[in-house]
All heavy atoms as atom14 arrays in JSON, in Angstrom:
{
  "sequence": "LTFKYAEEFEKAAQRMLDAEMTTPMLRTVVDKLWPVADADSSRKKSNQ",
  "atom14_mask": [
    [1, 1, 1, 1, 1, 1, 1, 1, 0, 0, 0, 0, 0, 0],
    [1, 1, 1, 1, 1, 1, 1, 0, 0, 0, 0, 0, 0, 0],
    [1, 1, 1, 1, 1, 1, 1, 1, 1, 1, 1, 0, 0, 0],
    [1, 1, 1, 1, 1, 1, 1, 1, 1, 0, 0, 0, 0, 0],
    [1, 1, 1, 1, 1, 1, 1, 1, 1, 1, 1, 1, 0, 0],
    [1, 1, 1, 1, 1, 0, 0, 0, 0, 0, 0, 0, 0, 0],
    [1, 1, 1, 1, 1, 1, 1, 1, 1, 0, 0, 0, 0, 0],
    [1, 1, 1, 1, 1, 1, 1, 1, 1, 0, 0, 0, 0, 0],
    [1, 1, 1, 1, 1, 1, 1, 1, 1, 1, 1, 0, 0, 0],
    [1, 1, 1, 1, 1, 1, 1, 1, 1, 0, 0, 0, 0, 0],
    [1, 1, 1, 1, 1, 1, 1, 1, 1, 0, 0, 0, 0, 0],
    [1, 1, 1, 1, 1, 0, 0, 0, 0, 0, 0, 0, 0, 0],
    [1, 1, 1, 1, 1, 0, 0, 0, 0, 0, 0, 0, 0, 0],
    [1, 1, 1, 1, 1, 1, 1, 1, 1, 0, 0, 0, 0, 0],
    [1, 1, 1, 1, 1, 1, 1, 1, 1, 1, 1, 0, 0, 0],
    [1, 1, 1, 1, 1, 1, 1, 1, 0, 0, 0, 0, 0, 0],
    [1, 1, 1, 1, 1, 1, 1, 1, 0, 0, 0, 0, 0, 0],
    [1, 1, 1, 1, 1, 1, 1, 1, 0, 0, 0, 0, 0, 0],
    [1, 1, 1, 1, 1, 0, 0, 0, 0, 0, 0, 0, 0, 0],
    [1, 1, 1, 1, 1, 1, 1, 1, 1, 0, 0, 0, 0, 0],
    [1, 1, 1, 1, 1, 1, 1, 1, 0, 0, 0, 0, 0, 0],
    [1, 1, 1, 1, 1, 1, 1, 0, 0, 0, 0, 0, 0, 0],
    [1, 1, 1, 1, 1, 1, 1, 0, 0, 0, 0, 0, 0, 0],
    [1, 1, 1, 1, 1, 1, 1, 0, 0, 0, 0, 0, 0, 0],
    [1, 1, 1, 1, 1, 1, 1, 1, 0, 0, 0, 0, 0, 0],
    [1, 1, 1, 1, 1, 1, 1, 1, 0, 0, 0, 0, 0, 0],
    [1, 1, 1, 1, 1, 1, 1, 1, 1, 1, 1, 0, 0, 0],
    [1, 1, 1, 1, 1, 1, 1, 0, 0, 0, 0, 0, 0, 0],
    [1, 1, 1, 1, 1, 1, 1, 0, 0, 0, 0, 0, 0, 0],
    [1, 1, 1, 1, 1, 1, 1, 0, 0, 0, 0, 0, 0, 0],
    [1, 1, 1, 1, 1, 1, 1, 1, 0, 0, 0, 0, 0, 0],
    [1, 1, 1, 1, 1, 1, 1, 1, 1, 0, 0, 0, 0, 0],
    [1, 1, 1, 1, 1, 1, 1, 1, 0, 0, 0, 0, 0, 0],
    [1, 1, 1, 1, 1, 1, 1, 1, 1, 1, 1, 1, 1, 1],
    [1, 1, 1, 1, 1, 1, 1, 0, 0, 0, 0, 0, 0, 0],
    [1, 1, 1, 1, 1, 1, 1, 0, 0, 0, 0, 0, 0, 0],
    [1, 1, 1, 1, 1, 0, 0, 0, 0, 0, 0, 0, 0, 0],
    [1, 1, 1, 1, 1, 1, 1, 1, 0, 0, 0, 0, 0, 0],
    [1, 1, 1, 1, 1, 0, 0, 0, 0, 0, 0, 0, 0, 0],
    [1, 1, 1, 1, 1, 1, 1, 1, 0, 0, 0, 0, 0, 0],
    [1, 1, 1, 1, 1, 1, 0, 0, 0, 0, 0, 0, 0, 0],
    [1, 1, 1, 1, 1, 1, 0, 0, 0, 0, 0, 0, 0, 0],
    [1, 1, 1, 1, 1, 1, 1, 1, 1, 1, 1, 0, 0, 0],
    [1, 1, 1, 1, 1, 1, 1, 1, 1, 0, 0, 0, 0, 0],
    [1, 1, 1, 1, 1, 1, 1, 1, 1, 0, 0, 0, 0, 0],
    [1, 1, 1, 1, 1, 1, 0, 0, 0, 0, 0, 0, 0, 0],
    [1, 1, 1, 1, 1, 1, 1, 1, 0, 0, 0, 0, 0, 0],
    [1, 1, 1, 1, 1, 1, 1, 1, 1, 0, 0, 0, 0, 0]
  ],
  "atom14_positions": [
    [[32.21, 73.83, 266.13], [31.55, 73.11, 265.11], [30.08, 73.12, 265.19], [29.37, 72.76, 264.19], [32.06, 71.6, 265.11], [33.5, 71.5, 264.74], [33.94, 70.0, 265.04], [33.9, 71.84, 263.34], [0.0, 0.0, 0.0], [0.0, 0.0, 0.0], [0.0, 0.0, 0.0], [0.0, 0.0, 0.0], [0.0, 0.0, 0.0], [0.0, 0.0, 0.0]],
    [[29.56, 73.56, 266.35], [28.2, 73.63, 266.48], [27.42, 74.5, 265.33], [26.48, 74.01, 264.82], [27.79, 74.39, 267.8], [28.16, 73.47, 268.9], [26.35, 74.65, 267.96], [0.0, 0.0, 0.0], [0.0, 0.0, 0.0], [0.0, 0.0, 0.0], [0.0, 0.0, 0.0], [0.0, 0.0, 0.0], [0.0, 0.0, 0.0], [0.0, 0.0, 0.0]],
    [[28.15, 75.51, 264.96], [27.55, 76.43, 264.02], [27.57, 75.86, 262.65], [26.75, 76.05, 261.8], [28.17, 77.81, 264.16], [28.05, 78.35, 265.5], [29.01, 78.39, 266.39], [26.86, 78.86, 265.95], [28.95, 78.88, 267.72], [26.6, 79.34, 267.32], [27.7, 79.39, 268.16], [0.0, 0.0, 0.0], [0.0, 0.0, 0.0], [0.0, 0.0, 0.0]],
    [[28.64, 75.04, 262.4], [28.76, 74.37, 261.12], [27.63, 73.33, 261.08], [27.03, 73.14, 260.02], [30.15, 73.66, 261.02], [30.27, 72.87, 259.66], [31.53, 72.24, 259.56], [31.67, 71.38, 258.23], [32.96, 70.64, 258.13], [0.0, 0.0, 0.0], [0.0, 0.0, 0.0], [0.0, 0.0, 0.0], [0.0, 0.0, 0.0], [0.0, 0.0, 0.0]],
    [[27.4, 72.68, 262.2], [26.3, 71.71, 262.2], [25.01, 72.37, 261.88], [24.19, 71.87, 261.11], [26.25, 71.11, 263.61], [25.05, 70.13, 263.78], [25.18, 68.85, 263.43], [23.91, 70.5, 264.45], [24.09, 67.93, 263.63], [22.83, 69.72, 264.63], [22.93, 68.39, 264.22], [21.85, 67.51, 264.35], [0.0, 0.0, 0.0], [0.0, 0.0, 0.0]],
    [[24.75, 73.54, 262.47], [23.52, 74.26, 262.18], [23.42, 74.61, 260.72], [22.39, 74.53, 260.07], [23.49, 75.6, 263.06], [0.0, 0.0, 0.0], [0.0, 0.0, 0.0], [0.0, 0.0, 0.0], [0.0, 0.0, 0.0], [0.0, 0.0, 0.0], [0.0, 0.0, 0.0], [0.0, 0.0, 0.0], [0.0, 0.0, 0.0], [0.0, 0.0, 0.0]],
    [[24.47, 75.08, 260.13], [24.54, 75.4, 258.71], [24.16, 74.2, 257.86], [23.42, 74.22, 256.92], [25.85, 76.0, 258.36], [26.08, 77.4, 258.98], [27.57, 77.88, 258.81], [28.26, 77.11, 258.17], [27.94, 78.86, 259.42], [0.0, 0.0, 0.0], [0.0, 0.0, 0.0], [0.0, 0.0, 0.0], [0.0, 0.0, 0.0], [0.0, 0.0, 0.0]],
    [[24.8, 73.04, 258.18], [24.68, 71.85, 257.38], [23.22, 71.35, 257.51], [22.55, 70.95, 256.54], [25.57, 70.79, 257.81], [27.1, 71.03, 257.56], [27.28, 71.11, 256.02], [26.63, 70.32, 255.23], [28.27, 71.85, 255.66], [0.0, 0.0, 0.0], [0.0, 0.0, 0.0], [0.0, 0.0, 0.0], [0.0, 0.0, 0.0], [0.0, 0.0, 0.0]],
    [[22.69, 71.45, 258.71], [21.28, 71.01, 258.96], [20.29, 71.96, 258.26], [19.32, 71.47, 257.55], [20.91, 71.03, 260.45], [19.59, 70.53, 260.74], [19.28, 69.15, 260.96], [18.56, 71.45, 260.76], [18.02, 68.75, 261.23], [17.2, 70.97, 261.02], [16.99, 69.59, 261.13], [0.0, 0.0, 0.0], [0.0, 0.0, 0.0], [0.0, 0.0, 0.0]],
    [[20.56, 73.17, 258.17], [19.66, 74.13, 257.57], [19.72, 73.86, 256.03], [18.67, 73.87, 255.38], [20.18, 75.56, 257.83], [19.18, 76.68, 257.24], [19.54, 78.04, 257.76], [20.51, 78.21, 258.47], [18.77, 78.94, 257.42], [0.0, 0.0, 0.0], [0.0, 0.0, 0.0], [0.0, 0.0, 0.0], [0.0, 0.0, 0.0], [0.0, 0.0, 0.0]],
    [[20.86, 73.61, 255.4], [20.94, 73.3, 254.01], [20.27, 72.02, 253.63], [19.52, 72.01, 252.69], [22.45, 73.26, 253.63], [23.2, 74.49, 253.68], [24.76, 74.28, 253.32], [25.49, 75.47, 253.5], [26.98, 75.22, 253.31], [0.0, 0.0, 0.0], [0.0, 0.0, 0.0], [0.0, 0.0, 0.0], [0.0, 0.0, 0.0], [0.0, 0.0, 0.0]],
    [[20.43, 70.97, 254.54], [19.76, 69.72, 254.25], [18.27, 69.87, 254.38], [17.43, 69.35, 253.58], [20.31, 68.62, 255.19], [0.0, 0.0, 0.0], [0.0, 0.0, 0.0], [0.0, 0.0, 0.0], [0.0, 0.0, 0.0], [0.0, 0.0, 0.0], [0.0, 0.0, 0.0], [0.0, 0.0, 0.0], [0.0, 0.0, 0.0], [0.0, 0.0, 0.0]],
    [[17.74, 70.58, 255.42], [16.42, 70.72, 255.59], [15.76, 71.61, 254.44], [14.69, 71.36, 253.99], [16.14, 71.47, 256.95], [0.0, 0.0, 0.0], [0.0, 0.0, 0.0], [0.0, 0.0, 0.0], [0.0, 0.0, 0.0], [0.0, 0.0, 0.0], [0.0, 0.0, 0.0], [0.0, 0.0, 0.0], [0.0, 0.0, 0.0], [0.0, 0.0, 0.0]],
    [[16.54, 72.61, 253.95], [15.98, 73.35, 252.85], [15.85, 72.52, 251.61], [14.9, 72.7, 250.88], [17.0, 74.53, 252.61], [16.49, 75.51, 251.56], [15.19, 76.24, 252.03], [15.14, 76.78, 253.01], [14.13, 76.14, 251.09], [0.0, 0.0, 0.0], [0.0, 0.0, 0.0], [0.0, 0.0, 0.0], [0.0, 0.0, 0.0], [0.0, 0.0, 0.0]],
    [[16.8, 71.61, 251.41], [16.73, 70.66, 250.22], [15.42, 69.86, 250.39], [14.74, 69.66, 249.36], [17.92, 69.84, 250.21], [19.25, 70.56, 249.65], [20.24, 69.64, 249.22], [20.68, 68.72, 250.23], [21.61, 68.96, 251.13], [22.3, 70.15, 251.07], [22.0, 67.96, 252.07], [0.0, 0.0, 0.0], [0.0, 0.0, 0.0], [0.0, 0.0, 0.0]],
    [[15.19, 69.41, 251.56], [13.9, 68.6, 251.76], [12.62, 69.45, 251.57], [11.66, 69.0, 250.98], [13.94, 67.95, 253.18], [14.89, 66.79, 253.29], [14.66, 65.93, 254.91], [15.42, 66.96, 256.02], [0.0, 0.0, 0.0], [0.0, 0.0, 0.0], [0.0, 0.0, 0.0], [0.0, 0.0, 0.0], [0.0, 0.0, 0.0], [0.0, 0.0, 0.0]],
    [[12.74, 70.68, 251.93], [11.63, 71.53, 251.78], [11.31, 71.85, 250.33], [10.21, 72.0, 249.81], [11.82, 72.86, 252.52], [10.68, 73.92, 252.52], [9.54, 73.32, 253.32], [11.12, 75.24, 253.12], [0.0, 0.0, 0.0], [0.0, 0.0, 0.0], [0.0, 0.0, 0.0], [0.0, 0.0, 0.0], [0.0, 0.0, 0.0], [0.0, 0.0, 0.0]],
    [[12.46, 71.96, 249.45], [12.3, 72.15, 248.05], [11.9, 70.97, 247.29], [11.52, 71.07, 246.04], [13.54, 72.72, 247.46], [13.97, 74.09, 248.08], [13.02, 74.8, 248.55], [15.12, 74.43, 248.08], [0.0, 0.0, 0.0], [0.0, 0.0, 0.0], [0.0, 0.0, 0.0], [0.0, 0.0, 0.0], [0.0, 0.0, 0.0], [0.0, 0.0, 0.0]],
    [[11.97, 69.77, 247.93], [11.59, 68.53, 247.22], [10.19, 68.05, 247.44], [9.74, 68.08, 248.59], [12.65, 67.36, 247.67], [0.0, 0.0, 0.0], [0.0, 0.0, 0.0], [0.0, 0.0, 0.0], [0.0, 0.0, 0.0], [0.0, 0.0, 0.0], [0.0, 0.0, 0.0], [0.0, 0.0, 0.0], [0.0, 0.0, 0.0], [0.0, 0.0, 0.0]],
    [[9.62, 67.65, 246.36], [8.22, 67.18, 246.47], [8.2, 65.75, 247.04], [9.08, 64.96, 246.74], [7.53, 67.13, 245.1], [6.13, 66.58, 245.19], [5.51, 66.46, 243.76], [6.2, 66.77, 242.75], [4.29, 66.11, 243.67], [0.0, 0.0, 0.0], [0.0, 0.0, 0.0], [0.0, 0.0, 0.0], [0.0, 0.0, 0.0], [0.0, 0.0, 0.0]],
    [[7.25, 65.49, 247.89], [6.99, 64.06, 248.41], [5.56, 63.7, 248.3], [4.75, 64.47, 248.87], [7.55, 63.99, 249.8], [7.22, 62.52, 250.39], [8.1, 62.2, 251.99], [9.64, 61.58, 251.41], [0.0, 0.0, 0.0], [0.0, 0.0, 0.0], [0.0, 0.0, 0.0], [0.0, 0.0, 0.0], [0.0, 0.0, 0.0], [0.0, 0.0, 0.0]],
    [[5.23, 62.68, 247.63], [3.9, 62.17, 247.55], [3.63, 61.18, 248.7], [4.56, 60.68, 249.37], [3.6, 61.51, 246.26], [4.47, 60.38, 246.08], [3.94, 62.48, 245.11], [0.0, 0.0, 0.0], [0.0, 0.0, 0.0], [0.0, 0.0, 0.0], [0.0, 0.0, 0.0], [0.0, 0.0, 0.0], [0.0, 0.0, 0.0], [0.0, 0.0, 0.0]],
    [[2.33, 60.88, 248.9], [2.02, 59.82, 249.9], [2.68, 58.54, 249.62], [3.25, 57.87, 250.48], [0.5, 59.67, 250.1], [-0.07, 60.95, 250.47], [0.16, 58.63, 251.13], [0.0, 0.0, 0.0], [0.0, 0.0, 0.0], [0.0, 0.0, 0.0], [0.0, 0.0, 0.0], [0.0, 0.0, 0.0], [0.0, 0.0, 0.0], [0.0, 0.0, 0.0]],
    [[2.63, 57.95, 248.36], [3.34, 56.75, 248.12], [4.84, 56.82, 248.32], [5.44, 55.72, 248.85], [3.01, 56.48, 246.56], [1.74, 57.2, 246.39], [1.84, 58.42, 247.3], [0.0, 0.0, 0.0], [0.0, 0.0, 0.0], [0.0, 0.0, 0.0], [0.0, 0.0, 0.0], [0.0, 0.0, 0.0], [0.0, 0.0, 0.0], [0.0, 0.0, 0.0]],
    [[5.44, 57.95, 248.09], [6.88, 58.03, 248.35], [7.16, 58.03, 249.89], [8.1, 57.26, 250.34], [7.39, 59.38, 247.83], [7.33, 59.47, 246.29], [7.61, 61.19, 245.68], [9.29, 61.46, 246.25], [0.0, 0.0, 0.0], [0.0, 0.0, 0.0], [0.0, 0.0, 0.0], [0.0, 0.0, 0.0], [0.0, 0.0, 0.0], [0.0, 0.0, 0.0]],
    [[6.34, 58.57, 250.61], [6.43, 58.48, 252.13], [6.29, 57.13, 252.63], [6.95, 56.5, 253.45], [5.41, 59.45, 252.83], [5.47, 59.35, 254.3], [6.81, 59.78, 254.97], [4.37, 60.27, 254.9], [0.0, 0.0, 0.0], [0.0, 0.0, 0.0], [0.0, 0.0, 0.0], [0.0, 0.0, 0.0], [0.0, 0.0, 0.0], [0.0, 0.0, 0.0]],
    [[5.27, 56.34, 251.95], [4.98, 54.98, 252.32], [6.25, 54.08, 252.17], [6.55, 53.25, 252.95], [3.8, 54.38, 251.55], [3.52, 52.89, 251.8], [3.05, 52.73, 253.39], [2.97, 51.37, 253.72], [1.73, 50.78, 253.7], [0.72, 51.34, 253.32], [1.7, 49.45, 254.09], [0.0, 0.0, 0.0], [0.0, 0.0, 0.0], [0.0, 0.0, 0.0]],
    [[6.98, 54.31, 251.05], [8.22, 53.64, 250.8], [9.25, 53.78, 251.92], [9.83, 52.84, 252.31], [8.88, 54.04, 249.4], [7.9, 53.78, 248.39], [10.17, 53.3, 249.18], [0.0, 0.0, 0.0], [0.0, 0.0, 0.0], [0.0, 0.0, 0.0], [0.0, 0.0, 0.0], [0.0, 0.0, 0.0], [0.0, 0.0, 0.0], [0.0, 0.0, 0.0]],
    [[9.43, 55.04, 252.39], [10.31, 55.31, 253.47], [9.89, 54.62, 254.79], [10.7, 53.98, 255.5], [10.44, 56.87, 253.74], [11.25, 57.17, 254.97], [11.06, 57.51, 252.48], [0.0, 0.0, 0.0], [0.0, 0.0, 0.0], [0.0, 0.0, 0.0], [0.0, 0.0, 0.0], [0.0, 0.0, 0.0], [0.0, 0.0, 0.0], [0.0, 0.0, 0.0]],
    [[8.57, 54.71, 255.06], [8.05, 54.06, 256.32], [8.25, 52.63, 256.31], [8.67, 52.01, 257.34], [6.52, 54.47, 256.48], [6.02, 53.77, 257.64], [6.42, 56.0, 256.72], [0.0, 0.0, 0.0], [0.0, 0.0, 0.0], [0.0, 0.0, 0.0], [0.0, 0.0, 0.0], [0.0, 0.0, 0.0], [0.0, 0.0, 0.0], [0.0, 0.0, 0.0]],
    [[8.02, 51.96, 255.15], [8.28, 50.55, 255.09], [9.72, 50.17, 255.25], [9.99, 49.03, 255.71], [7.72, 50.03, 253.7], [6.22, 50.02, 253.58], [5.55, 50.14, 254.61], [5.63, 49.91, 252.54], [0.0, 0.0, 0.0], [0.0, 0.0, 0.0], [0.0, 0.0, 0.0], [0.0, 0.0, 0.0], [0.0, 0.0, 0.0], [0.0, 0.0, 0.0]],
    [[10.62, 51.04, 254.85], [12.0, 50.65, 255.0], [12.39, 50.89, 256.49], [13.28, 50.22, 257.02], [12.91, 51.63, 254.13], [12.85, 51.27, 252.7], [13.7, 52.19, 251.81], [13.65, 51.87, 250.4], [14.41, 52.79, 249.52], [0.0, 0.0, 0.0], [0.0, 0.0, 0.0], [0.0, 0.0, 0.0], [0.0, 0.0, 0.0], [0.0, 0.0, 0.0]],
    [[11.81, 51.88, 257.15], [12.09, 52.1, 258.59], [11.58, 50.92, 259.44], [12.25, 50.62, 260.52], [11.48, 53.47, 259.0], [12.23, 54.68, 258.41], [11.38, 55.89, 258.84], [13.66, 54.82, 258.98], [0.0, 0.0, 0.0], [0.0, 0.0, 0.0], [0.0, 0.0, 0.0], [0.0, 0.0, 0.0], [0.0, 0.0, 0.0], [0.0, 0.0, 0.0]],
    [[10.39, 50.53, 259.11], [9.71, 49.43, 259.97], [9.34, 48.31, 259.04], [8.14, 48.08, 258.7], [8.44, 49.99, 260.64], [8.79, 51.02, 261.76], [9.24, 50.78, 262.98], [8.66, 52.46, 261.6], [9.39, 51.89, 263.7], [8.97, 52.99, 262.91], [8.29, 53.34, 260.59], [9.03, 54.39, 263.17], [8.27, 54.66, 260.88], [8.63, 55.14, 262.13]],
    [[10.3, 47.58, 258.6], [9.95, 46.44, 257.54], [9.17, 45.29, 258.25], [9.29, 44.94, 259.38], [11.36, 46.04, 257.09], [12.29, 46.32, 258.25], [11.72, 47.54, 258.88], [0.0, 0.0, 0.0], [0.0, 0.0, 0.0], [0.0, 0.0, 0.0], [0.0, 0.0, 0.0], [0.0, 0.0, 0.0], [0.0, 0.0, 0.0], [0.0, 0.0, 0.0]],
    [[8.27, 44.81, 257.37], [7.43, 43.61, 257.81], [7.54, 42.54, 256.71], [7.31, 42.9, 255.41], [6.02, 44.01, 258.01], [5.13, 42.8, 258.3], [5.97, 44.95, 259.21], [0.0, 0.0, 0.0], [0.0, 0.0, 0.0], [0.0, 0.0, 0.0], [0.0, 0.0, 0.0], [0.0, 0.0, 0.0], [0.0, 0.0, 0.0], [0.0, 0.0, 0.0]],
    [[7.89, 41.35, 257.03], [7.96, 40.24, 256.02], [6.65, 39.46, 255.95], [5.84, 39.55, 256.86], [9.12, 39.33, 256.38], [0.0, 0.0, 0.0], [0.0, 0.0, 0.0], [0.0, 0.0, 0.0], [0.0, 0.0, 0.0], [0.0, 0.0, 0.0], [0.0, 0.0, 0.0], [0.0, 0.0, 0.0], [0.0, 0.0, 0.0], [0.0, 0.0, 0.0]],
    [[6.45, 38.7, 254.93], [5.34, 37.94, 254.75], [5.11, 36.91, 255.82], [4.0, 36.58, 256.21], [5.38, 37.22, 253.32], [5.24, 38.12, 252.16], [4.7, 39.25, 252.34], [5.64, 37.77, 251.08], [0.0, 0.0, 0.0], [0.0, 0.0, 0.0], [0.0, 0.0, 0.0], [0.0, 0.0, 0.0], [0.0, 0.0, 0.0], [0.0, 0.0, 0.0]],
    [[6.23, 36.4, 256.34], [6.21, 35.39, 257.37], [5.95, 36.01, 258.73], [5.78, 35.24, 259.79], [7.48, 34.63, 257.43], [0.0, 0.0, 0.0], [0.0, 0.0, 0.0], [0.0, 0.0, 0.0], [0.0, 0.0, 0.0], [0.0, 0.0, 0.0], [0.0, 0.0, 0.0], [0.0, 0.0, 0.0], [0.0, 0.0, 0.0], [0.0, 0.0, 0.0]],
    [[5.93, 37.29, 258.88], [5.69, 37.9, 260.23], [4.26, 37.73, 260.72], [3.4, 37.41, 259.96], [5.99, 39.43, 260.18], [7.5, 39.66, 260.04], [8.29, 38.79, 260.64], [7.93, 40.77, 259.57], [0.0, 0.0, 0.0], [0.0, 0.0, 0.0], [0.0, 0.0, 0.0], [0.0, 0.0, 0.0], [0.0, 0.0, 0.0], [0.0, 0.0, 0.0]],
    [[4.08, 37.84, 262.06], [2.82, 37.58, 262.68], [1.83, 38.6, 262.21], [2.07, 39.72, 261.76], [3.0, 37.66, 264.15], [3.26, 38.99, 264.57], [0.0, 0.0, 0.0], [0.0, 0.0, 0.0], [0.0, 0.0, 0.0], [0.0, 0.0, 0.0], [0.0, 0.0, 0.0], [0.0, 0.0, 0.0], [0.0, 0.0, 0.0], [0.0, 0.0, 0.0]],
    [[0.52, 38.21, 262.32], [-0.55, 39.04, 261.97], [-0.57, 40.3, 262.83], [-1.04, 41.39, 262.36], [-1.92, 38.32, 262.06], [-2.12, 37.86, 263.46], [0.0, 0.0, 0.0], [0.0, 0.0, 0.0], [0.0, 0.0, 0.0], [0.0, 0.0, 0.0], [0.0, 0.0, 0.0], [0.0, 0.0, 0.0], [0.0, 0.0, 0.0], [0.0, 0.0, 0.0]],
    [[-0.18, 40.13, 264.1], [-0.12, 41.29, 264.95], [0.9, 42.42, 264.48], [0.63, 43.58, 264.49], [0.22, 40.89, 266.4], [0.27, 42.05, 267.4], [0.55, 41.52, 268.82], [0.61, 42.63, 269.79], [0.79, 42.52, 270.99], [0.92, 41.34, 271.56], [0.78, 43.56, 271.91], [0.0, 0.0, 0.0], [0.0, 0.0, 0.0], [0.0, 0.0, 0.0]],
    [[2.07, 41.86, 264.01], [3.05, 42.82, 263.55], [2.63, 43.54, 262.24], [2.76, 44.72, 262.1], [4.38, 42.08, 263.24], [5.56, 42.93, 262.91], [6.86, 42.25, 262.72], [8.0, 43.2, 262.45], [9.29, 42.52, 262.41], [0.0, 0.0, 0.0], [0.0, 0.0, 0.0], [0.0, 0.0, 0.0], [0.0, 0.0, 0.0], [0.0, 0.0, 0.0]],
    [[1.84, 42.78, 261.42], [1.34, 43.38, 260.21], [0.23, 44.4, 260.58], [0.08, 45.45, 259.91], [0.81, 42.26, 259.34], [1.81, 41.31, 258.74], [1.21, 40.27, 257.97], [2.29, 39.33, 257.34], [1.74, 38.17, 256.62], [0.0, 0.0, 0.0], [0.0, 0.0, 0.0], [0.0, 0.0, 0.0], [0.0, 0.0, 0.0], [0.0, 0.0, 0.0]],
    [[-0.61, 44.05, 261.59], [-1.63, 44.99, 262.01], [-0.98, 46.3, 262.58], [-1.47, 47.39, 262.34], [-2.52, 44.36, 263.06], [-3.46, 45.29, 263.57], [0.0, 0.0, 0.0], [0.0, 0.0, 0.0], [0.0, 0.0, 0.0], [0.0, 0.0, 0.0], [0.0, 0.0, 0.0], [0.0, 0.0, 0.0], [0.0, 0.0, 0.0], [0.0, 0.0, 0.0]],
    [[0.09, 46.13, 263.37], [0.81, 47.29, 263.94], [1.36, 48.16, 262.76], [1.41, 49.38, 262.91], [1.91, 46.84, 264.87], [1.37, 46.32, 266.21], [0.22, 46.5, 266.52], [2.19, 45.49, 266.81], [0.0, 0.0, 0.0], [0.0, 0.0, 0.0], [0.0, 0.0, 0.0], [0.0, 0.0, 0.0], [0.0, 0.0, 0.0], [0.0, 0.0, 0.0]],
    [[1.83, 47.52, 261.79], [2.43, 48.23, 260.59], [1.32, 49.14, 260.0], [1.57, 50.3, 259.66], [2.99, 47.22, 259.58], [3.61, 47.99, 258.36], [3.73, 47.03, 257.16], [2.85, 46.25, 256.94], [4.91, 47.12, 256.47], [0.0, 0.0, 0.0], [0.0, 0.0, 0.0], [0.0, 0.0, 0.0], [0.0, 0.0, 0.0], [0.0, 0.0, 0.0]]
  ]
}
């Protein structure tokens, strides 16, 4: 199944290569990966 994995990864990566991403779009992804709430500390917001 290793080779199937390679094929699936290559297809998914190719789709990402063909898709445009702007800086605001990337910011949306980053905020979902490392969410910060209004009530969080100033240090956490600064780290963000």
